Protein backbone atom coordinates (compact mmCIF):
# COMPACT_ATOMS: atom_id res chain seq x y z
CA MET A 1 -151.22 14.79 -65.42
CA SER A 2 -151.11 14.61 -69.25
CA ASN A 3 -153.25 16.86 -71.43
CA SER A 4 -155.29 13.86 -72.57
CA GLY A 5 -155.93 12.82 -68.96
CA ALA A 6 -156.99 16.32 -68.01
CA SER A 7 -159.29 16.48 -71.02
CA THR A 8 -160.89 13.16 -70.07
CA LEU A 9 -161.54 14.32 -66.51
CA ARG A 10 -163.09 17.53 -67.79
CA CYS A 11 -165.35 15.61 -70.17
CA VAL A 12 -166.88 13.64 -67.30
CA SER A 13 -166.95 16.60 -64.91
CA PRO A 14 -170.54 17.00 -63.65
CA GLN A 15 -170.55 20.77 -64.19
CA HIS A 16 -169.09 20.42 -67.69
CA LEU A 17 -171.70 17.80 -68.60
CA LEU A 18 -174.55 19.97 -67.34
CA GLU A 19 -173.26 23.09 -69.08
CA THR A 20 -172.66 21.20 -72.34
CA PHE A 21 -175.72 18.99 -72.60
CA GLY A 22 -178.22 20.76 -70.35
CA THR A 23 -181.40 19.25 -69.00
CA ILE A 24 -181.89 16.63 -71.70
CA GLY A 25 -178.29 15.49 -71.30
CA LEU A 26 -178.83 15.13 -67.55
CA PHE A 27 -181.76 12.76 -68.06
CA ALA A 28 -179.91 10.82 -70.79
CA ILE A 29 -176.89 10.30 -68.56
CA ILE A 30 -178.97 9.03 -65.64
CA PHE A 31 -180.77 6.65 -68.01
CA ALA A 32 -177.48 5.37 -69.46
CA GLU A 33 -175.75 4.95 -66.11
CA THR A 34 -178.58 2.88 -64.67
CA GLY A 35 -179.55 0.97 -67.81
CA LEU A 36 -176.62 0.51 -70.16
CA LEU A 37 -173.45 -1.41 -69.28
CA VAL A 38 -171.30 1.25 -70.96
CA GLY A 39 -172.59 3.94 -68.61
CA PHE A 40 -170.78 2.81 -65.46
CA PHE A 41 -168.16 5.59 -65.66
CA LEU A 42 -170.72 8.42 -65.71
CA PRO A 43 -170.96 10.60 -62.53
CA GLY A 44 -174.59 9.97 -61.59
CA ASP A 45 -174.41 10.94 -57.91
CA SER A 46 -172.46 14.11 -58.61
CA LEU A 47 -174.86 15.14 -61.36
CA LEU A 48 -177.88 14.73 -59.10
CA VAL A 49 -176.37 16.83 -56.33
CA LEU A 50 -175.19 19.50 -58.73
CA ALA A 51 -178.57 19.60 -60.49
CA GLY A 52 -180.31 20.19 -57.16
CA LEU A 53 -177.76 22.84 -56.25
CA PHE A 54 -178.22 24.67 -59.58
CA ALA A 55 -181.99 24.62 -59.07
CA ALA A 56 -181.54 26.31 -55.69
CA ILE A 57 -179.16 29.19 -56.44
CA ASP A 58 -179.61 32.48 -58.26
CA ASN A 59 -177.99 32.86 -61.70
CA PRO A 60 -176.69 29.28 -61.97
CA PRO A 61 -174.52 28.17 -64.92
CA VAL A 62 -177.53 26.10 -66.07
CA HIS A 63 -181.11 27.06 -65.23
CA LEU A 64 -183.09 24.05 -63.96
CA ASN A 65 -186.67 23.84 -62.71
CA LEU A 66 -186.67 21.71 -59.56
CA ALA A 67 -190.10 20.12 -60.10
CA VAL A 68 -189.34 19.20 -63.72
CA VAL A 69 -185.91 17.87 -62.78
CA LEU A 70 -187.23 15.68 -59.96
CA VAL A 71 -189.97 14.09 -62.05
CA ALA A 72 -187.78 13.58 -65.11
CA LEU A 73 -184.86 12.16 -63.11
CA PHE A 74 -187.17 9.70 -61.38
CA VAL A 75 -188.60 8.57 -64.74
CA ALA A 76 -185.10 8.29 -66.27
CA ALA A 77 -183.83 6.26 -63.30
CA VAL A 78 -186.80 3.86 -63.41
CA ALA A 79 -186.74 3.50 -67.20
CA GLY A 80 -182.96 3.02 -67.28
CA ALA A 81 -182.97 0.27 -64.68
CA GLN A 82 -185.94 -1.46 -66.31
CA THR A 83 -184.12 -1.36 -69.65
CA GLY A 84 -181.07 -2.92 -68.04
CA TYR A 85 -183.27 -5.67 -66.59
CA PHE A 86 -184.79 -6.49 -69.99
CA ILE A 87 -181.35 -6.46 -71.64
CA GLY A 88 -180.19 -9.07 -69.13
CA LEU A 89 -183.40 -11.05 -69.47
CA ARG A 90 -183.09 -11.18 -73.25
CA ALA A 91 -179.32 -11.75 -73.52
CA GLY A 92 -179.06 -14.28 -70.71
CA PRO A 93 -175.76 -15.39 -69.11
CA ALA A 94 -173.87 -14.72 -72.35
CA LEU A 95 -174.13 -11.01 -71.53
CA PHE A 96 -171.46 -11.36 -68.86
CA ARG A 97 -169.22 -13.76 -70.77
CA ARG A 98 -167.90 -11.07 -73.05
CA PRO A 99 -164.14 -10.58 -73.37
CA GLN A 100 -162.47 -8.22 -70.91
CA SER A 101 -162.16 -4.66 -72.22
CA ARG A 102 -161.86 -1.06 -71.04
CA LEU A 103 -165.65 -0.77 -70.97
CA PHE A 104 -166.35 -4.25 -69.58
CA LYS A 105 -164.50 -5.69 -66.61
CA HIS A 106 -165.41 -8.98 -64.99
CA GLU A 107 -164.54 -7.58 -61.55
CA ASN A 108 -167.50 -5.18 -61.88
CA VAL A 109 -169.81 -8.13 -62.47
CA GLU A 110 -168.34 -9.89 -59.45
CA LYS A 111 -169.07 -6.84 -57.27
CA ALA A 112 -172.74 -6.96 -58.25
CA GLU A 113 -172.82 -10.73 -57.66
CA ARG A 114 -171.56 -10.27 -54.10
CA TYR A 115 -174.34 -7.82 -53.32
CA PHE A 116 -177.01 -10.14 -54.72
CA ALA A 117 -175.58 -13.02 -52.70
CA LYS A 118 -175.77 -10.95 -49.52
CA TYR A 119 -178.90 -8.83 -49.96
CA GLY A 120 -181.00 -10.58 -52.62
CA PRO A 121 -183.61 -8.35 -54.36
CA LYS A 122 -182.81 -5.49 -51.94
CA THR A 123 -179.64 -5.06 -53.98
CA ILE A 124 -181.71 -3.14 -56.55
CA VAL A 125 -182.27 -0.43 -53.94
CA ILE A 126 -178.85 -0.55 -52.27
CA ALA A 127 -176.98 -0.51 -55.58
CA ARG A 128 -178.50 2.86 -56.47
CA PHE A 129 -176.05 4.47 -54.04
CA ILE A 130 -172.98 2.52 -55.17
CA PRO A 131 -171.33 3.61 -58.43
CA ILE A 132 -170.59 0.80 -60.91
CA VAL A 133 -172.69 -1.70 -58.94
CA ARG A 134 -175.88 0.19 -59.88
CA THR A 135 -174.97 -0.19 -63.56
CA PHE A 136 -174.44 -3.94 -63.45
CA ALA A 137 -177.07 -4.94 -60.87
CA ASN A 138 -180.06 -4.36 -63.15
CA PRO A 139 -178.91 -6.49 -66.11
CA MET A 140 -177.77 -9.13 -63.64
CA ALA A 141 -181.28 -9.25 -62.16
CA GLY A 142 -182.56 -9.93 -65.66
CA VAL A 143 -179.96 -12.61 -66.32
CA GLY A 144 -180.97 -14.26 -63.04
CA ARG A 145 -184.64 -14.01 -64.09
CA MET A 146 -185.74 -12.14 -61.00
CA ASP A 147 -189.53 -11.92 -60.87
CA LEU A 148 -190.58 -8.88 -62.92
CA ARG A 149 -193.00 -7.56 -60.29
CA THR A 150 -190.36 -7.89 -57.55
CA PHE A 151 -187.77 -6.10 -59.66
CA ALA A 152 -190.19 -3.33 -60.62
CA THR A 153 -191.14 -2.74 -56.97
CA PHE A 154 -187.54 -2.41 -55.78
CA ASN A 155 -186.66 -0.45 -58.91
CA VAL A 156 -189.30 2.22 -58.25
CA LEU A 157 -188.36 2.43 -54.56
CA GLY A 158 -184.64 2.70 -55.29
CA ALA A 159 -185.17 5.27 -58.04
CA LEU A 160 -187.31 7.42 -55.73
CA LEU A 161 -184.83 7.34 -52.85
CA TRP A 162 -181.82 7.94 -55.07
CA SER A 163 -182.92 10.39 -57.74
CA VAL A 164 -185.20 12.52 -55.56
CA GLY A 165 -183.26 12.14 -52.31
CA VAL A 166 -179.81 12.97 -53.69
CA THR A 167 -181.11 15.82 -55.84
CA MET A 168 -182.88 17.34 -52.84
CA LEU A 169 -179.64 17.06 -50.89
CA GLY A 170 -178.02 19.30 -53.52
CA PHE A 171 -180.99 21.68 -53.35
CA ALA A 172 -180.65 21.92 -49.57
CA LEU A 173 -176.93 22.67 -49.90
CA GLY A 174 -177.69 25.43 -52.39
CA LYS A 175 -180.19 27.01 -50.02
CA THR A 176 -178.08 26.78 -46.86
CA ILE A 177 -174.49 27.52 -47.96
CA PRO A 178 -173.91 31.28 -48.37
CA SER A 179 -172.44 32.37 -51.73
CA VAL A 180 -172.19 28.76 -52.86
CA ARG A 181 -172.11 29.90 -56.49
CA ASP A 182 -168.67 31.45 -55.87
CA HIS A 183 -167.31 28.10 -54.72
CA LEU A 184 -168.73 25.68 -57.28
CA VAL A 185 -165.32 24.19 -58.08
CA ILE A 186 -164.73 23.32 -54.42
CA VAL A 187 -168.27 22.01 -54.00
CA GLU A 188 -167.92 19.87 -57.12
CA ALA A 189 -164.62 18.44 -55.87
CA ILE A 190 -166.20 17.54 -52.51
CA ILE A 191 -169.19 15.92 -54.24
CA ILE A 192 -166.95 13.82 -56.47
CA PHE A 193 -164.83 12.78 -53.49
CA LEU A 194 -167.87 11.71 -51.49
CA SER A 195 -169.35 9.83 -54.45
CA VAL A 196 -166.25 7.67 -54.88
CA ILE A 197 -166.07 6.69 -51.20
CA PRO A 198 -168.41 3.70 -51.74
CA VAL A 199 -166.17 2.55 -54.60
CA GLY A 200 -163.11 2.79 -52.35
CA VAL A 201 -164.87 0.83 -49.61
CA GLU A 202 -165.82 -1.83 -52.14
CA VAL A 203 -162.22 -2.10 -53.41
CA VAL A 204 -160.85 -2.52 -49.87
CA ARG A 205 -163.53 -5.11 -49.08
CA SER A 206 -162.76 -7.05 -52.25
CA ARG A 207 -159.05 -7.14 -51.48
CA ARG A 208 -159.69 -8.36 -47.95
CA GLU A 209 -161.97 -11.10 -49.25
CA ARG A 210 -159.36 -12.23 -51.76
CA GLN A 211 -156.69 -12.28 -49.05
CA THR A 212 -158.98 -14.30 -46.79
CA LYS A 213 -159.96 -16.75 -49.50
CA GLY A 214 -156.42 -17.15 -50.75
CA PRO A 215 -155.05 -19.21 -47.82
CA VAL A 216 -158.28 -21.22 -47.64
CA GLU A 217 -158.12 -22.11 -51.32
CA ALA A 218 -154.43 -22.89 -51.03
CA ARG A 219 -155.12 -25.37 -48.24
CA HIS A 220 -157.52 -27.22 -50.51
CA LEU A 221 -154.71 -27.65 -53.04
CA VAL A 222 -152.44 -29.42 -50.55
CA PRO A 223 -152.94 -33.22 -50.81
CA GLU A 224 -153.95 -35.07 -47.71
CA PRO A 225 -151.05 -36.99 -46.08
CA VAL A 226 -150.94 -40.64 -47.05
CA ASP A 227 -150.64 -43.19 -44.31
CA GLU A 228 -147.82 -45.46 -45.50
CA ARG A 229 -147.85 -47.79 -42.51
CA PRO A 230 -148.73 -51.41 -43.21
CA GLY A 231 -152.46 -51.86 -43.05
CA GLY A 232 -152.94 -48.06 -43.05
């Protein structure tokens, strides 16, 4: 791996982000990942688990108060998603017609569209646990003019389950794994691996759907045979 690649990975490492930006940075990242389209690459799941773990162990790299973290993360998750909704509501469909770039890929929009087509408003809750989709689902709800009360209800529920639930998972790990502080690098690697599993599942599913649709679409391109018999 090149030095630039290694530096990039370190910059988005959950432990590095927590040690560099602290508590305020944690809340800002959760807000950005759930509310701003440019935040899709941020490690939200990993940060939540690691924050809970740091709150549980003695002498952590960053001292975090569990009660403050839980409340603030919940508020950041709700506010971020609501901001994304209003961005989509204000910008309209033009928001997703932007040119393809490193920070904006149409395939990410298509992933969110598939979830809305399958689960409807429940996508706002489900998407919380799926990286990338959770970033694009909220603006898409605004673009689609989902009822504000409906969105707010699912937003609060999803934020509670995700921000509090995942953080408490990290806290439980910190309390149950002996000497976990001595193995933070391994724990962080496992957390990152587990957090990208939903992305991998989504990629495989997308490829299968394209392969299935390919032959079907190809058949539609083949002209119907013409009956050349007299009177046919």
